[in-house]
PDB file of all heavy atoms in Angstrom:
ATOM      1  N   ASP A   1     -20.893  50.487-150.627  1.00  0.00           N
ATOM      2  CA  ASP A   1     -21.289  49.281-149.889  1.00  0.00           C
ATOM      3  C   ASP A   1     -22.444  48.629-150.632  1.00  0.00           C
ATOM      4  O   ASP A   1     -23.367  48.114-150.037  1.00  0.00           O
ATOM      5  CB  ASP A   1     -21.685  49.438-148.459  1.00  0.00           C
ATOM      6  CG  ASP A   1     -20.510  50.079-147.630  1.00  0.00           C
ATOM      7  OD1 ASP A   1     -19.382  49.718-147.978  1.00  0.00           O
ATOM      8  OD2 ASP A   1     -20.824  50.876-146.698  1.00  0.00           O
ATOM      9  N   GLY A   2     -22.377  48.634-152.058  1.00  0.00           N
ATOM     10  CA  GLY A   2     -23.322  47.983-152.842  1.00  0.00           C
ATOM     11  C   GLY A   2     -24.646  48.716-153.058  1.00  0.00           C
ATOM     12  O   GLY A   2     -25.619  48.192-153.698  1.00  0.00           O
ATOM     13  N   VAL A   3     -24.732  50.038-152.631  1.00  0.00           N
ATOM     14  CA  VAL A   3     -25.883  50.856-152.787  1.00  0.00           C
ATOM     15  C   VAL A   3     -25.568  52.062-153.608  1.00  0.00           C
ATOM     16  O   VAL A   3     -24.542  52.800-153.327  1.00  0.00           O
ATOM     17  CB  VAL A   3     -26.465  51.277-151.414  1.00  0.00           C
ATOM     18  CG1 VAL A   3     -27.682  52.216-151.635  1.00  0.00           C
ATOM     19  CG2 VAL A   3     -26.882  50.070-150.590  1.00  0.00           C
ATOM     20  N   LYS A   4     -26.289  52.288-154.740  1.00  0.00           N
ATOM     21  CA  LYS A   4     -26.057  53.487-155.580  1.00  0.00           C
ATOM     22  C   LYS A   4     -26.371  54.804-154.830  1.00  0.00           C
ATOM     23  O   LYS A   4     -27.418  54.980-154.319  1.00  0.00           O
ATOM     24  CB  LYS A   4     -26.883  53.420-156.845  1.00  0.00           C
ATOM     25  CG  LYS A   4     -26.494  54.487-157.828  1.00  0.00           C
ATOM     26  CD  LYS A   4     -27.034  54.266-159.225  1.00  0.00           C
ATOM     27  CE  LYS A   4     -28.538  54.281-159.192  1.00  0.00           C
ATOM     28  NZ  LYS A   4     -29.055  54.272-160.634  1.00  0.00           N
ATOM     29  N   LYS A   5     -25.417  55.732-154.796  1.00  0.00           N
ATOM     30  CA  LYS A   5     -25.479  56.986-154.074  1.00  0.00           C
ATOM     31  C   LYS A   5     -25.500  58.194-154.963  1.00  0.00           C
ATOM     32  O   LYS A   5     -25.993  59.254-154.492  1.00  0.00           O
ATOM     33  CB  LYS A   5     -24.431  57.059-153.057  1.00  0.00           C
ATOM     34  CG  LYS A   5     -24.461  56.017-151.931  1.00  0.00           C
ATOM     35  CD  LYS A   5     -25.686  56.259-151.037  1.00  0.00           C
ATOM     36  CE  LYS A   5     -25.658  55.373-149.821  1.00  0.00           C
ATOM     37  NZ  LYS A   5     -26.851  55.556-148.960  1.00  0.00           N
ATOM     38  N   TYR A   6     -25.028  58.071-156.148  1.00  0.00           N
ATOM     39  CA  TYR A   6     -24.853  59.304-156.939  1.00  0.00           C
ATOM     40  C   TYR A   6     -24.794  58.969-158.418  1.00  0.00           C
ATOM     41  O   TYR A   6     -24.187  57.960-158.814  1.00  0.00           O
ATOM     42  CB  TYR A   6     -23.690  60.157-156.518  1.00  0.00           C
ATOM     43  CG  TYR A   6     -23.529  61.481-157.214  1.00  0.00           C
ATOM     44  CD1 TYR A   6     -24.263  62.584-156.761  1.00  0.00           C
ATOM     45  CD2 TYR A   6     -22.681  61.699-158.316  1.00  0.00           C
ATOM     46  CE1 TYR A   6     -24.154  63.802-157.405  1.00  0.00           C
ATOM     47  CE2 TYR A   6     -22.572  62.885-158.918  1.00  0.00           C
ATOM     48  CZ  TYR A   6     -23.297  63.937-158.467  1.00  0.00           C
ATOM     49  OH  TYR A   6     -23.241  65.107-159.130  1.00  0.00           O
ATOM     50  N   THR A   7     -25.417  59.771-159.296  1.00  0.00           N
ATOM     51  CA  THR A   7     -25.326  59.587-160.675  1.00  0.00           C
ATOM     52  C   THR A   7     -24.999  60.895-161.374  1.00  0.00           C
ATOM     53  O   THR A   7     -25.710  61.929-161.144  1.00  0.00           O
ATOM     54  CB  THR A   7     -26.660  58.996-161.324  1.00  0.00           C
ATOM     55  OG1 THR A   7     -26.949  57.795-160.657  1.00  0.00           O
ATOM     56  CG2 THR A   7     -26.523  58.712-162.807  1.00  0.00           C
ATOM     57  N   GLU A   8     -24.007  60.901-162.269  1.00  0.00           N
ATOM     58  CA  GLU A   8     -23.638  62.139-163.132  1.00  0.00           C
ATOM     59  C   GLU A   8     -23.791  61.713-164.620  1.00  0.00           C
ATOM     60  O   GLU A   8     -23.319  60.753-165.064  1.00  0.00           O
ATOM     61  CB  GLU A   8     -22.244  62.535-162.747  1.00  0.00           C
ATOM     62  CG  GLU A   8     -21.705  63.570-163.716  1.00  0.00           C
ATOM     63  CD  GLU A   8     -22.469  64.852-163.607  1.00  0.00           C
ATOM     64  OE1 GLU A   8     -22.599  65.366-162.501  1.00  0.00           O
ATOM     65  OE2 GLU A   8     -22.916  65.332-164.661  1.00  0.00           O
ATOM     66  N   THR A   9     -24.592  62.546-165.307  1.00  0.00           N
ATOM     67  CA  THR A   9     -24.885  62.244-166.727  1.00  0.00           C
ATOM     68  C   THR A   9     -24.343  63.293-167.688  1.00  0.00           C
ATOM     69  O   THR A   9     -24.397  63.126-168.903  1.00  0.00           O
ATOM     70  CB  THR A   9     -26.369  62.109-166.937  1.00  0.00           C
ATOM     71  OG1 THR A   9     -26.998  63.329-166.660  1.00  0.00           O
ATOM     72  CG2 THR A   9     -26.938  60.964-166.133  1.00  0.00           C
ATOM     73  N   THR A  10     -23.741  64.425-167.173  1.00  0.00           N
ATOM     74  CA  THR A  10     -23.338  65.502-168.040  1.00  0.00           C
ATOM     75  C   THR A  10     -21.858  65.714-168.088  1.00  0.00           C
ATOM     76  O   THR A  10     -21.368  66.483-168.924  1.00  0.00           O
ATOM     77  CB  THR A  10     -23.979  66.783-167.543  1.00  0.00           C
ATOM     78  OG1 THR A  10     -23.584  67.132-166.244  1.00  0.00           O
ATOM     79  CG2 THR A  10     -25.516  66.726-167.657  1.00  0.00           C
ATOM     80  N   SER A  11     -21.111  65.025-167.191  1.00  0.00           N
ATOM     81  CA  SER A  11     -19.648  65.288-167.176  1.00  0.00           C
ATOM     82  C   SER A  11     -18.907  64.008-166.779  1.00  0.00           C
ATOM     83  O   SER A  11     -19.495  63.097-166.125  1.00  0.00           O
ATOM     84  CB  SER A  11     -19.356  66.340-166.064  1.00  0.00           C
ATOM     85  OG  SER A  11     -17.954  66.520-165.854  1.00  0.00           O
ATOM     86  N   LEU A  12     -17.624  63.899-167.215  1.00  0.00           N
ATOM     87  CA  LEU A  12     -16.768  62.801-166.844  1.00  0.00           C
ATOM     88  C   LEU A  12     -15.989  63.065-165.542  1.00  0.00           C
ATOM     89  O   LEU A  12     -15.043  62.424-165.265  1.00  0.00           O
ATOM     90  CB  LEU A  12     -15.780  62.486-167.983  1.00  0.00           C
ATOM     91  CG  LEU A  12     -16.353  61.649-169.059  1.00  0.00           C
ATOM     92  CD1 LEU A  12     -15.483  61.725-170.343  1.00  0.00           C
ATOM     93  CD2 LEU A  12     -16.604  60.233-168.702  1.00  0.00           C
ATOM     94  N   TRP A  13     -16.524  64.054-164.791  1.00  0.00           N
ATOM     95  CA  TRP A  13     -15.893  64.367-163.521  1.00  0.00           C
ATOM     96  C   TRP A  13     -17.002  64.728-162.578  1.00  0.00           C
ATOM     97  O   TRP A  13     -18.096  65.290-162.981  1.00  0.00           O
ATOM     98  CB  TRP A  13     -14.979  65.550-163.599  1.00  0.00           C
ATOM     99  CG  TRP A  13     -14.484  66.021-162.283  1.00  0.00           C
ATOM    100  CD1 TRP A  13     -13.417  65.653-161.596  1.00  0.00           C
ATOM    101  CD2 TRP A  13     -15.081  67.035-161.446  1.00  0.00           C
ATOM    102  NE1 TRP A  13     -13.253  66.241-160.418  1.00  0.00           N
ATOM    103  CE2 TRP A  13     -14.336  67.147-160.293  1.00  0.00           C
ATOM    104  CE3 TRP A  13     -16.231  67.839-161.591  1.00  0.00           C
ATOM    105  CZ2 TRP A  13     -14.614  68.034-159.221  1.00  0.00           C
ATOM    106  CZ3 TRP A  13     -16.487  68.734-160.518  1.00  0.00           C
ATOM    107  CH2 TRP A  13     -15.742  68.778-159.380  1.00  0.00           C
ATOM    108  N   PHE A  14     -16.955  64.367-161.280  1.00  0.00           N
ATOM    109  CA  PHE A  14     -17.917  64.728-160.288  1.00  0.00           C
ATOM    110  C   PHE A  14     -17.240  64.790-158.902  1.00  0.00           C
ATOM    111  O   PHE A  14     -16.253  64.071-158.688  1.00  0.00           O
ATOM    112  CB  PHE A  14     -19.156  63.856-160.294  1.00  0.00           C
ATOM    113  CG  PHE A  14     -18.942  62.413-159.660  1.00  0.00           C
ATOM    114  CD1 PHE A  14     -18.905  62.239-158.331  1.00  0.00           C
ATOM    115  CD2 PHE A  14     -18.781  61.361-160.517  1.00  0.00           C
ATOM    116  CE1 PHE A  14     -18.700  60.989-157.799  1.00  0.00           C
ATOM    117  CE2 PHE A  14     -18.554  60.037-160.023  1.00  0.00           C
ATOM    118  CZ  PHE A  14     -18.594  59.916-158.571  1.00  0.00           C
ATOM    119  N   ASN A  15     -17.920  65.533-158.023  1.00  0.00           N
ATOM    120  CA  ASN A  15     -17.602  65.403-156.610  1.00  0.00           C
ATOM    121  C   ASN A  15     -18.895  65.506-155.770  1.00  0.00           C
ATOM    122  O   ASN A  15     -19.880  66.136-156.194  1.00  0.00           O
ATOM    123  CB  ASN A  15     -16.583  66.464-156.091  1.00  0.00           C
ATOM    124  CG  ASN A  15     -17.177  67.894-156.145  1.00  0.00           C
ATOM    125  OD1 ASN A  15     -18.253  68.133-156.616  1.00  0.00           O
ATOM    126  ND2 ASN A  15     -16.330  68.813-155.609  1.00  0.00           N
ATOM    127  N   THR A  16     -18.986  64.750-154.859  1.00  0.00           N
ATOM    128  CA  THR A  16     -20.176  64.710-153.908  1.00  0.00           C
ATOM    129  C   THR A  16     -19.812  64.216-152.604  1.00  0.00           C
ATOM    130  O   THR A  16     -18.655  63.780-152.381  1.00  0.00           O
ATOM    131  CB  THR A  16     -21.318  63.839-154.534  1.00  0.00           C
ATOM    132  OG1 THR A  16     -22.520  63.895-153.799  1.00  0.00           O
ATOM    133  CG2 THR A  16     -20.880  62.316-154.486  1.00  0.00           C
ATOM    134  N   SER A  17     -20.716  64.365-151.579  1.00  0.00           N
ATOM    135  CA  SER A  17     -20.384  63.825-150.262  1.00  0.00           C
ATOM    136  C   SER A  17     -21.503  62.881-149.894  1.00  0.00           C
ATOM    137  O   SER A  17     -22.703  63.076-150.252  1.00  0.00           O
ATOM    138  CB  SER A  17     -20.305  64.959-149.222  1.00  0.00           C
ATOM    139  OG  SER A  17     -21.516  65.674-149.160  1.00  0.00           O
ATOM    140  N   VAL A  18     -21.119  61.839-149.165  1.00  0.00           N
ATOM    141  CA  VAL A  18     -22.114  60.802-148.733  1.00  0.00           C
ATOM    142  C   VAL A  18     -21.998  60.562-147.319  1.00  0.00           C
ATOM    143  O   VAL A  18     -20.845  60.557-146.776  1.00  0.00           O
ATOM    144  CB  VAL A  18     -21.926  59.547-149.568  1.00  0.00           C
ATOM    145  CG1 VAL A  18     -22.337  59.686-151.007  1.00  0.00           C
ATOM    146  CG2 VAL A  18     -20.519  58.974-149.482  1.00  0.00           C
ATOM    147  N   TYR A  19     -23.116  60.337-146.638  1.00  0.00           N
ATOM    148  CA  TYR A  19     -23.064  59.996-145.187  1.00  0.00           C
ATOM    149  C   TYR A  19     -22.980  58.474-145.008  1.00  0.00           C
ATOM    150  O   TYR A  19     -23.771  57.762-145.654  1.00  0.00           O
ATOM    151  CB  TYR A  19     -24.314  60.556-144.489  1.00  0.00           C
ATOM    152  CG  TYR A  19     -24.410  62.023-144.383  1.00  0.00           C
ATOM    153  CD1 TYR A  19     -24.866  62.799-145.438  1.00  0.00           C
ATOM    154  CD2 TYR A  19     -24.068  62.642-143.227  1.00  0.00           C
ATOM    155  CE1 TYR A  19     -24.921  64.164-145.345  1.00  0.00           C
ATOM    156  CE2 TYR A  19     -24.084  64.016-143.126  1.00  0.00           C
ATOM    157  CZ  TYR A  19     -24.521  64.771-144.126  1.00  0.00           C
ATOM    158  OH  TYR A  19     -24.596  66.155-144.046  1.00  0.00           O
ATOM    159  N   VAL A  20     -22.033  58.033-144.195  1.00  0.00           N
ATOM    160  CA  VAL A  20     -21.898  56.665-143.847  1.00  0.00           C
ATOM    161  C   VAL A  20     -21.668  56.471-142.374  1.00  0.00           C
ATOM    162  O   VAL A  20     -21.263  57.440-141.643  1.00  0.00           O
ATOM    163  CB  VAL A  20     -20.706  55.982-144.608  1.00  0.00           C
ATOM    164  CG1 VAL A  20     -20.872  56.042-146.137  1.00  0.00           C
ATOM    165  CG2 VAL A  20     -19.378  56.736-144.265  1.00  0.00           C
ATOM    166  N   GLY A  21     -21.964  55.303-141.836  1.00  0.00           N
ATOM    167  CA  GLY A  21     -21.730  55.024-140.485  1.00  0.00           C
ATOM    168  C   GLY A  21     -20.283  54.644-140.145  1.00  0.00           C
ATOM    169  O   GLY A  21     -19.467  54.479-141.097  1.00  0.00           O
ATOM    170  N   PRO A  22     -19.998  54.431-138.885  1.00  0.00           N
ATOM    171  CA  PRO A  22     -18.612  54.017-138.529  1.00  0.00           C
ATOM    172  C   PRO A  22     -18.290  52.594-139.170  1.00  0.00           C
ATOM    173  O   PRO A  22     -19.139  51.769-139.285  1.00  0.00           O
ATOM    174  CB  PRO A  22     -18.640  53.931-137.019  1.00  0.00           C
ATOM    175  CG  PRO A  22     -19.850  54.759-136.608  1.00  0.00           C
ATOM    176  CD  PRO A  22     -20.858  54.598-137.666  1.00  0.00           C
ATOM    177  N   GLY A  23     -17.053  52.434-139.477  1.00  0.00           N
ATOM    178  CA  GLY A  23     -16.581  51.150-140.014  1.00  0.00           C
ATOM    179  C   GLY A  23     -15.917  51.248-141.358  1.00  0.00           C
ATOM    180  O   GLY A  23     -15.566  52.309-141.837  1.00  0.00           O
ATOM    181  N   ASP A  24     -15.713  50.031-141.933  1.00  0.00           N
ATOM    182  CA  ASP A  24     -15.036  50.007-143.270  1.00  0.00           C
ATOM    183  C   ASP A  24     -16.096  50.056-144.351  1.00  0.00           C
ATOM    184  O   ASP A  24     -17.103  49.486-144.269  1.00  0.00           O
ATOM    185  CB  ASP A  24     -14.348  48.611-143.357  1.00  0.00           C
ATOM    186  CG  ASP A  24     -13.193  48.500-142.323  1.00  0.00           C
ATOM    187  OD1 ASP A  24     -12.576  49.520-141.941  1.00  0.00           O
ATOM    188  OD2 ASP A  24     -12.917  47.366-141.899  1.00  0.00           O
ATOM    189  N   HIS A  25     -15.753  50.757-145.404  1.00  0.00           N
ATOM    190  CA  HIS A  25     -16.716  50.997-146.534  1.00  0.00           C
ATOM    191  C   HIS A  25     -16.033  50.798-147.887  1.00  0.00           C
ATOM    192  O   HIS A  25     -14.800  51.077-148.011  1.00  0.00           O
ATOM    193  CB  HIS A  25     -17.313  52.377-146.423  1.00  0.00           C
ATOM    194  CG  HIS A  25     -18.054  52.612-145.117  1.00  0.00           C
ATOM    195  ND1 HIS A  25     -19.307  52.148-144.927  1.00  0.00           N
ATOM    196  CD2 HIS A  25     -17.637  53.269-144.006  1.00  0.00           C
ATOM    197  CE1 HIS A  25     -19.691  52.470-143.651  1.00  0.00           C
ATOM    198  NE2 HIS A  25     -18.692  53.177-143.132  1.00  0.00           N
ATOM    199  N   HIS A  26     -16.796  50.352-148.823  1.00  0.00           N
ATOM    200  CA  HIS A  26     -16.338  50.080-150.170  1.00  0.00           C
ATOM    201  C   HIS A  26     -16.949  51.065-151.126  1.00  0.00           C
ATOM    202  O   HIS A  26     -18.189  51.161-151.275  1.00  0.00           O
ATOM    203  CB  HIS A  26     -16.767  48.631-150.548  1.00  0.00           C
ATOM    204  CG  HIS A  26     -16.218  48.179-151.833  1.00  0.00           C
ATOM    205  ND1 HIS A  26     -16.730  47.047-152.495  1.00  0.00           N
ATOM    206  CD2 HIS A  26     -15.193  48.625-152.647  1.00  0.00           C
ATOM    207  CE1 HIS A  26     -16.060  46.891-153.693  1.00  0.00           C
ATOM    208  NE2 HIS A  26     -15.144  47.870-153.731  1.00  0.00           N
ATOM    209  N   PHE A  27     -16.114  51.855-151.802  1.00  0.00           N
ATOM    210  CA  PHE A  27     -16.567  52.833-152.740  1.00  0.00           C
ATOM    211  C   PHE A  27     -16.228  52.368-154.192  1.00  0.00           C
ATOM    212  O   PHE A  27     -15.075  52.124-154.519  1.00  0.00           O
ATOM    213  CB  PHE A  27     -15.854  54.157-152.514  1.00  0.00           C
ATOM    214  CG  PHE A  27     -16.166  54.735-151.168  1.00  0.00           C
ATOM    215  CD1 PHE A  27     -15.498  54.317-150.064  1.00  0.00           C
ATOM    216  CD2 PHE A  27     -17.100  55.767-150.998  1.00  0.00           C
ATOM    217  CE1 PHE A  27     -15.753  54.826-148.733  1.00  0.00           C
ATOM    218  CE2 PHE A  27     -17.352  56.318-149.746  1.00  0.00           C
ATOM    219  CZ  PHE A  27     -16.708  55.855-148.632  1.00  0.00           C
ATOM    220  N   ASP A  28     -17.275  52.344-155.033  1.00  0.00           N
ATOM    221  CA  ASP A  28     -17.154  51.919-156.435  1.00  0.00           C
ATOM    222  C   ASP A  28     -17.615  53.079-157.313  1.00  0.00           C
ATOM    223  O   ASP A  28     -18.675  53.670-157.104  1.00  0.00           O
ATOM    224  CB  ASP A  28     -17.983  50.728-156.797  1.00  0.00           C
ATOM    225  CG  ASP A  28     -17.514  49.479-156.094  1.00  0.00           C
ATOM    226  OD1 ASP A  28     -16.254  49.174-156.115  1.00  0.00           O
ATOM    227  OD2 ASP A  28     -18.371  48.723-155.605  1.00  0.00           O
TER     228      ASP A  28
END
């Protein structure tokens, strides 16, 4: 939703979890 939540600098793959509120969300 337009806010940076995670950065990975050592690999071309990542997994993470993020807390969001109810509703529709946009993941980039």
